């Protein structure tokens, strides 16, 4: 079975989610919003200016 190839933005999202989950006892609202923003960028394919 082949592993899927991730884009840099997808890798960034996965890493941000991992960091957010590691900080579950000290949650960061900024990190949560960053994860949501990355997800939305990928989902709707917005281009950052």
PDB file of N, CA and C in Angstrom:
ATOM      1  N   UNK A   1       0.843  -1.183   0.000  1.00  0.00           N
ATOM      2  CA  UNK A   1       0.000   0.000   0.000  1.00  0.00           C
ATOM      3  C   UNK A   1       0.889   1.247   0.000  1.00  0.00           C
ATOM      4  N   UNK A   2       0.577   2.181  -0.875  1.00  0.00           N
ATOM      5  CA  UNK A   2       1.361   3.407  -0.980  1.00  0.00           C
ATOM      6  C   UNK A   2       0.891   4.435   0.032  1.00  0.00           C
ATOM      7  N   UNK A   3       1.850   5.159   0.592  1.00  0.00           N
ATOM      8  CA  UNK A   3       1.517   6.253   1.503  1.00  0.00           C
ATOM      9  C   UNK A   3       1.074   7.454   0.683  1.00  0.00           C
ATOM     10  N   UNK A   4       0.067   8.176   1.151  1.00  0.00           N
ATOM     11  CA  UNK A   4      -0.325   9.380   0.418  1.00  0.00           C
ATOM     12  C   UNK A   4       0.765  10.450   0.546  1.00  0.00           C
ATOM     13  N   UNK A   5       0.925  11.233  -0.496  1.00  0.00           N
ATOM     14  CA  UNK A   5       1.901  12.311  -0.496  1.00  0.00           C
ATOM     15  C   UNK A   5       1.199  13.577  -0.008  1.00  0.00           C
ATOM     16  N   UNK A   6       1.769  14.198   1.017  1.00  0.00           N
ATOM     17  CA  UNK A   6       1.177  15.399   1.586  1.00  0.00           C
ATOM     18  C   UNK A   6       1.871  16.642   1.056  1.00  0.00           C
ATOM     19  N   UNK A   7       1.090  17.692   0.877  1.00  0.00           N
ATOM     20  CA  UNK A   7       1.663  18.984   0.508  1.00  0.00           C
ATOM     21  C   UNK A   7       2.262  19.611   1.764  1.00  0.00           C
ATOM     22  N   UNK A   8       2.989  20.698   1.580  1.00  0.00           N
ATOM     23  CA  UNK A   8       3.578  21.387   2.733  1.00  0.00           C
ATOM     24  C   UNK A   8       2.502  21.919   3.670  1.00  0.00           C
ATOM     25  N   UNK A   9       1.411  22.445   3.114  1.00  0.00           N
ATOM     26  CA  UNK A   9       0.312  22.954   3.950  1.00  0.00           C
ATOM     27  C   UNK A   9      -0.353  21.824   4.729  1.00  0.00           C
ATOM     28  N   UNK A  10      -0.503  20.667   4.114  1.00  0.00           N
ATOM     29  CA  UNK A  10      -1.099  19.520   4.805  1.00  0.00           C
ATOM     30  C   UNK A  10      -0.193  19.045   5.938  1.00  0.00           C
ATOM     31  N   UNK A  11       1.108  19.009   5.686  1.00  0.00           N
ATOM     32  CA  UNK A  11       2.061  18.633   6.729  1.00  0.00           C
ATOM     33  C   UNK A  11       2.011  19.633   7.882  1.00  0.00           C
ATOM     34  N   UNK A  12       1.903  20.905   7.539  1.00  0.00           N
ATOM     35  CA  UNK A  12       1.824  21.961   8.539  1.00  0.00           C
ATOM     36  C   UNK A  12       0.571  21.798   9.401  1.00  0.00           C
ATOM     37  N   UNK A  13      -0.542  21.457   8.766  1.00  0.00           N
ATOM     38  CA  UNK A  13      -1.792  21.237   9.497  1.00  0.00           C
ATOM     39  C   UNK A  13      -1.669  20.056  10.451  1.00  0.00           C
ATOM     40  N   UNK A  14      -1.120  18.960   9.991  1.00  0.00           N
ATOM     41  CA  UNK A  14      -0.949  17.774  10.837  1.00  0.00           C
ATOM     42  C   UNK A  14      -0.067  18.108  12.034  1.00  0.00           C
ATOM     43  N   UNK A  15       1.024  18.810  11.798  1.00  0.00           N
ATOM     44  CA  UNK A  15       1.938  19.174  12.885  1.00  0.00           C
ATOM     45  C   UNK A  15       1.258  20.115  13.881  1.00  0.00           C
ATOM     46  N   UNK A  16       0.489  21.070  13.381  1.00  0.00           N
ATOM     47  CA  UNK A  16      -0.218  21.999  14.257  1.00  0.00           C
ATOM     48  C   UNK A  16      -1.248  21.267  15.116  1.00  0.00           C
ATOM     49  N   UNK A  17      -1.948  20.299  14.534  1.00  0.00           N
ATOM     50  CA  UNK A  17      -2.921  19.506  15.291  1.00  0.00           C
ATOM     51  C   UNK A  17      -2.206  18.698  16.363  1.00  0.00           C
ATOM     52  N   UNK A  18      -1.086  18.101  16.027  1.00  0.00           N
ATOM     53  CA  UNK A  18      -0.312  17.334  17.015  1.00  0.00           C
ATOM     54  C   UNK A  18       0.129  18.228  18.168  1.00  0.00           C
ATOM     55  N   UNK A  19       0.613  19.411  17.846  1.00  0.00           N
ATOM     56  CA  UNK A  19       1.039  20.347  18.893  1.00  0.00           C
ATOM     57  C   UNK A  19      -0.132  20.766  19.769  1.00  0.00           C
ATOM     58  N   UNK A  20      -1.280  20.991  19.146  1.00  0.00           N
ATOM     59  CA  UNK A  20      -2.472  21.375  19.909  1.00  0.00           C
ATOM     60  C   UNK A  20      -2.887  20.256  20.863  1.00  0.00           C
ATOM     61  N   UNK A  21      -2.861  19.021  20.373  1.00  0.00           N
ATOM     62  CA  UNK A  21      -3.253  17.888  21.209  1.00  0.00           C
ATOM     63  C   UNK A  21      -2.263  17.652  22.348  1.00  0.00           C
ATOM     64  N   UNK A  22      -0.984  17.913  22.120  1.00  0.00           N
ATOM     65  CA  UNK A  22       0.033  17.765  23.165  1.00  0.00           C
ATOM     66  C   UNK A  22      -0.178  18.783  24.281  1.00  0.00           C
ATOM     67  N   UNK A  23      -0.763  19.916  23.950  1.00  0.00           N
ATOM     68  CA  UNK A  23      -0.971  20.997  24.914  1.00  0.00           C
ATOM     69  C   UNK A  23      -2.355  20.943  25.546  1.00  0.00           C
ATOM     70  N   UNK A  24      -2.947  19.761  25.636  1.00  0.00           N
ATOM     71  CA  UNK A  24      -4.328  19.650  26.110  1.00  0.00           C
ATOM     72  C   UNK A  24      -4.521  20.142  27.545  1.00  0.00           C
ATOM     73  N   UNK A  25      -3.467  20.095  28.366  1.00  0.00           N
ATOM     74  CA  UNK A  25      -3.589  20.577  29.738  1.00  0.00           C
ATOM     75  C   UNK A  25      -3.330  22.071  29.842  1.00  0.00           C
ATOM     76  N   UNK A  26      -2.815  22.647  28.779  1.00  0.00           N
ATOM     77  CA  UNK A  26      -2.559  24.087  28.723  1.00  0.00           C
ATOM     78  C   UNK A  26      -2.950  24.574  27.329  1.00  0.00           C
ATOM     79  N   UNK A  27      -4.246  24.551  27.027  1.00  0.00           N
ATOM     80  CA  UNK A  27      -4.683  24.869  25.658  1.00  0.00           C
ATOM     81  C   UNK A  27      -4.383  26.316  25.260  1.00  0.00           C
ATOM     82  N   UNK A  28      -4.067  26.481  24.002  1.00  0.00           N
ATOM     83  CA  UNK A  28      -3.774  27.793  23.447  1.00  0.00           C
ATOM     84  C   UNK A  28      -4.865  28.161  22.444  1.00  0.00           C
ATOM     85  N   UNK A  29      -5.564  29.237  22.706  1.00  0.00           N
ATOM     86  CA  UNK A  29      -6.607  29.695  21.787  1.00  0.00           C
ATOM     87  C   UNK A  29      -5.998  30.089  20.437  1.00  0.00           C
ATOM     88  N   UNK A  30      -4.807  30.688  20.485  1.00  0.00           N
ATOM     89  CA  UNK A  30      -4.148  31.095  19.248  1.00  0.00           C
ATOM     90  C   UNK A  30      -3.809  29.880  18.385  1.00  0.00           C
ATOM     91  N   UNK A  31      -3.317  28.816  19.023  1.00  0.00           N
ATOM     92  CA  UNK A  31      -2.985  27.604  18.272  1.00  0.00           C
ATOM     93  C   UNK A  31      -4.245  26.958  17.701  1.00  0.00           C
ATOM     94  N   UNK A  32      -5.315  26.976  18.477  1.00  0.00           N
ATOM     95  CA  UNK A  32      -6.582  26.428  17.988  1.00  0.00           C
ATOM     96  C   UNK A  32      -7.062  27.204  16.757  1.00  0.00           C
ATOM     97  N   UNK A  33      -6.987  28.515  16.810  1.00  0.00           N
ATOM     98  CA  UNK A  33      -7.408  29.340  15.678  1.00  0.00           C
ATOM     99  C   UNK A  33      -6.496  29.131  14.469  1.00  0.00           C
ATOM    100  N   UNK A  34      -5.207  28.908  14.717  1.00  0.00           N
ATOM    101  CA  UNK A  34      -4.258  28.631  13.643  1.00  0.00           C
ATOM    102  C   UNK A  34      -4.615  27.319  12.933  1.00  0.00           C
ATOM    103  N   UNK A  35      -4.950  26.291  13.723  1.00  0.00           N
ATOM    104  CA  UNK A  35      -5.342  25.001  13.156  1.00  0.00           C
ATOM    105  C   UNK A  35      -6.598  25.163  12.303  1.00  0.00           C
ATOM    106  N   UNK A  36      -7.566  25.894  12.819  1.00  0.00           N
ATOM    107  CA  UNK A  36      -8.816  26.113  12.088  1.00  0.00           C
ATOM    108  C   UNK A  36      -8.543  26.868  10.784  1.00  0.00           C
ATOM    109  N   UNK A  37      -7.685  27.872  10.851  1.00  0.00           N
ATOM    110  CA  UNK A  37      -7.360  28.670   9.656  1.00  0.00           C
ATOM    111  C   UNK A  37      -6.678  27.802   8.592  1.00  0.00           C
ATOM    112  N   UNK A  38      -5.715  26.980   9.013  1.00  0.00           N
ATOM    113  CA  UNK A  38      -5.052  26.093   8.056  1.00  0.00           C
ATOM    114  C   UNK A  38      -6.043  25.131   7.418  1.00  0.00           C
ATOM    115  N   UNK A  39      -6.927  24.573   8.249  1.00  0.00           N
ATOM    116  CA  UNK A  39      -7.936  23.651   7.735  1.00  0.00           C
ATOM    117  C   UNK A  39      -8.813  24.331   6.691  1.00  0.00           C
ATOM    118  N   UNK A  40      -9.262  25.539   6.997  1.00  0.00           N
ATOM    119  CA  UNK A  40     -10.113  26.271   6.057  1.00  0.00           C
ATOM    120  C   UNK A  40      -9.360  26.611   4.767  1.00  0.00           C
ATOM    121  N   UNK A  41      -8.095  26.964   4.894  1.00  0.00           N
ATOM    122  CA  UNK A  41      -7.302  27.244   3.691  1.00  0.00           C
ATOM    123  C   UNK A  41      -7.246  26.027   2.787  1.00  0.00           C
ATOM    124  N   UNK A  42      -7.038  24.867   3.375  1.00  0.00           N
ATOM    125  CA  UNK A  42      -6.973  23.638   2.582  1.00  0.00           C
ATOM    126  C   UNK A  42      -8.342  23.233   2.057  1.00  0.00           C
ATOM    127  N   UNK A  43      -9.355  23.361   2.886  1.00  0.00           N
ATOM    128  CA  UNK A  43     -10.689  22.945   2.499  1.00  0.00           C
ATOM    129  C   UNK A  43     -11.235  23.786   1.348  1.00  0.00           C
ATOM    130  N   UNK A  44     -11.055  25.084   1.442  1.00  0.00           N
ATOM    131  CA  UNK A  44     -11.625  25.974   0.430  1.00  0.00           C
ATOM    132  C   UNK A  44     -10.601  26.464  -0.578  1.00  0.00           C
ATOM    133  N   UNK A  45      -9.347  26.010  -0.434  1.00  0.00           N
ATOM    134  CA  UNK A  45      -8.259  26.355  -1.348  1.00  0.00           C
ATOM    135  C   UNK A  45      -8.080  27.847  -1.527  1.00  0.00           C
ATOM    136  N   UNK A  46      -8.163  28.582  -0.411  1.00  0.00           N
ATOM    137  CA  UNK A  46      -7.879  30.008  -0.446  1.00  0.00           C
ATOM    138  C   UNK A  46      -6.393  30.211  -0.623  1.00  0.00           C
ATOM    139  N   UNK A  47      -6.038  31.248  -1.310  1.00  0.00           N
ATOM    140  CA  UNK A  47      -4.637  31.610  -1.465  1.00  0.00           C
ATOM    141  C   UNK A  47      -4.340  32.734  -0.492  1.00  0.00           C
ATOM    142  N   UNK A  48      -3.246  32.577   0.280  1.00  0.00           N
ATOM    143  CA  UNK A  48      -2.843  33.651   1.181  1.00  0.00           C
ATOM    144  C   UNK A  48      -2.179  34.745   0.373  1.00  0.00           C
ATOM    145  N   UNK A  49      -2.434  35.968   0.763  1.00  0.00           N
ATOM    146  CA  UNK A  49      -1.823  37.115   0.060  1.00  0.00           C
ATOM    147  C   UNK A  49      -0.440  37.381   0.589  1.00  0.00           C
TER     148      UNK A  49
END
